[in-house]
Amino acid sequence: MTAKPSGDQYVLMLNALANPIRLRILAALSADKLYVSELARELRMSRPLLHMHLQKLESAGLIIGHHEVSSDGKALRYYQVAPFHEELSPQRISEIVKSLTINEMGKER
């Protein structure tokens, strides 16, 4: 995430980061890109549960997924951390609030 996120994007990002499993996923991906089965084994979780968390992180713009073909012809879905840097401060929150279009219930205003 290179540009400053909008208020709505910031809410998605904070929501994604508010889960310890997703924090573990980001930590695992911070060293290198990994494909789904490799990541599931490393984190000792089922692939369906992992996919749910990966979707949340990808929607928030914190990770990037792409397909690669292995040497034996298998299509593998790889994920890596997207570049991002955000500081949380009262001033930044004041800026973010100005661009919010979703309300407290998560619906568009």
Protein backbone atom coordinates (compact mmCIF):
# COMPACT_ATOMS: atom_id res chain seq x y z
CA MET A 1 0.00 0.00 0.00
CA THR A 2 2.06 2.95 -1.21
CA ALA A 3 -0.50 5.78 -1.25
CA LYS A 4 -2.13 6.81 2.00
CA PRO A 5 -5.26 4.69 2.46
CA SER A 6 -8.69 6.29 2.56
CA GLY A 7 -10.73 6.10 5.74
CA ASP A 8 -12.59 3.04 4.45
CA GLN A 9 -9.35 1.30 3.46
CA TYR A 10 -7.89 2.12 6.86
CA VAL A 11 -10.87 0.49 8.60
CA LEU A 12 -10.37 -2.65 6.46
CA MET A 13 -6.67 -2.68 7.26
CA LEU A 14 -7.15 -2.27 11.02
CA ASN A 15 -9.90 -4.88 11.02
CA ALA A 16 -7.61 -7.34 9.23
CA LEU A 17 -4.77 -6.64 11.66
CA ALA A 18 -7.03 -7.12 14.70
CA ASN A 19 -6.80 -10.91 14.44
CA PRO A 20 -3.85 -12.89 15.87
CA ILE A 21 -4.04 -15.51 13.11
CA ARG A 22 -3.73 -12.83 10.44
CA LEU A 23 -0.80 -11.29 12.30
CA ARG A 24 0.90 -14.72 12.24
CA ILE A 25 0.22 -14.98 8.50
CA LEU A 26 1.83 -11.58 7.90
CA ALA A 27 4.81 -12.56 10.04
CA ALA A 28 5.27 -15.81 8.07
CA LEU A 29 5.02 -13.96 4.75
CA SER A 30 7.38 -11.17 5.82
CA ALA A 31 10.41 -13.40 5.24
CA ASP A 32 9.44 -14.68 1.77
CA LYS A 33 6.52 -15.44 -0.51
CA LEU A 34 4.87 -18.78 0.21
CA TYR A 35 2.26 -20.86 -1.57
CA VAL A 36 -0.97 -21.77 0.21
CA SER A 37 -0.16 -25.39 1.17
CA GLU A 38 3.30 -24.39 2.39
CA LEU A 39 1.81 -21.59 4.50
CA ALA A 40 -0.92 -23.87 5.89
CA ARG A 41 1.70 -26.42 6.98
CA GLU A 42 3.90 -23.76 8.55
CA LEU A 43 0.97 -22.27 10.51
CA ARG A 44 -0.61 -25.67 11.23
CA MET A 45 -4.06 -24.72 9.99
CA SER A 46 -6.51 -26.02 7.44
CA ARG A 47 -6.39 -24.59 3.94
CA PRO A 48 -10.06 -23.46 4.03
CA LEU A 49 -9.45 -21.48 7.24
CA LEU A 50 -6.23 -20.08 5.82
CA HIS A 51 -8.02 -19.01 2.61
CA MET A 52 -10.60 -17.09 4.65
CA HIS A 53 -7.86 -15.15 6.43
CA LEU A 54 -5.86 -14.61 3.22
CA GLN A 55 -8.92 -13.11 1.54
CA LYS A 56 -9.36 -10.65 4.41
CA LEU A 57 -5.70 -9.62 4.26
CA GLU A 58 -5.78 -9.30 0.47
CA SER A 59 -8.99 -7.22 0.56
CA ALA A 60 -7.28 -4.89 3.02
CA GLY A 61 -4.33 -4.49 0.64
CA LEU A 62 -1.85 -6.02 3.08
CA ILE A 63 -0.87 -9.03 0.95
CA ILE A 64 -0.70 -9.79 -2.76
CA GLY A 65 -1.52 -13.16 -4.31
CA HIS A 66 -0.48 -14.49 -7.70
CA HIS A 67 -0.30 -17.84 -9.51
CA GLU A 68 2.88 -19.58 -10.60
CA VAL A 69 3.35 -22.92 -12.33
CA SER A 70 5.73 -25.33 -10.59
CA SER A 71 8.32 -27.40 -12.43
CA ASP A 72 5.93 -30.38 -12.34
CA GLY A 73 3.12 -28.34 -13.93
CA LYS A 74 1.03 -27.61 -10.84
CA ALA A 75 -0.55 -24.17 -10.49
CA LEU A 76 0.38 -22.74 -7.10
CA ARG A 77 -1.11 -19.66 -5.46
CA TYR A 78 1.66 -17.63 -3.84
CA TYR A 79 1.21 -14.78 -1.38
CA GLN A 80 3.58 -12.06 -0.26
CA VAL A 81 3.31 -9.00 1.94
CA ALA A 82 2.38 -5.80 0.12
CA PRO A 83 4.55 -2.82 0.95
CA PHE A 84 2.82 -0.66 3.54
CA HIS A 85 3.73 1.78 6.28
CA GLU A 86 1.21 3.57 8.44
CA GLU A 87 1.61 5.52 11.64
CA LEU A 88 -1.31 5.71 13.98
CA SER A 89 -1.60 9.09 15.65
CA PRO A 90 -4.45 11.38 16.70
CA GLN A 91 -3.64 13.68 13.78
CA ARG A 92 -3.68 10.80 11.27
CA ILE A 93 -7.01 9.56 12.66
CA SER A 94 -8.45 13.07 12.21
CA GLU A 95 -7.37 12.94 8.54
CA ILE A 96 -8.78 9.43 8.06
CA VAL A 97 -12.20 10.25 9.52
CA LYS A 98 -12.74 12.93 6.85
CA SER A 99 -12.71 10.30 4.10
CA LEU A 100 -14.90 7.66 5.78
CA THR A 101 -17.96 6.65 3.78
CA ILE A 102 -18.99 3.68 5.94
CA ASN A 103 -20.80 4.06 9.24
CA GLU A 104 -20.34 2.24 12.54
CA MET A 105 -22.39 -0.71 11.26
CA GLY A 106 -20.07 -1.16 8.27
CA LYS A 107 -22.59 0.17 5.74
CA GLU A 108 -22.21 3.00 3.22
CA ARG A 109 -23.58 6.33 4.38
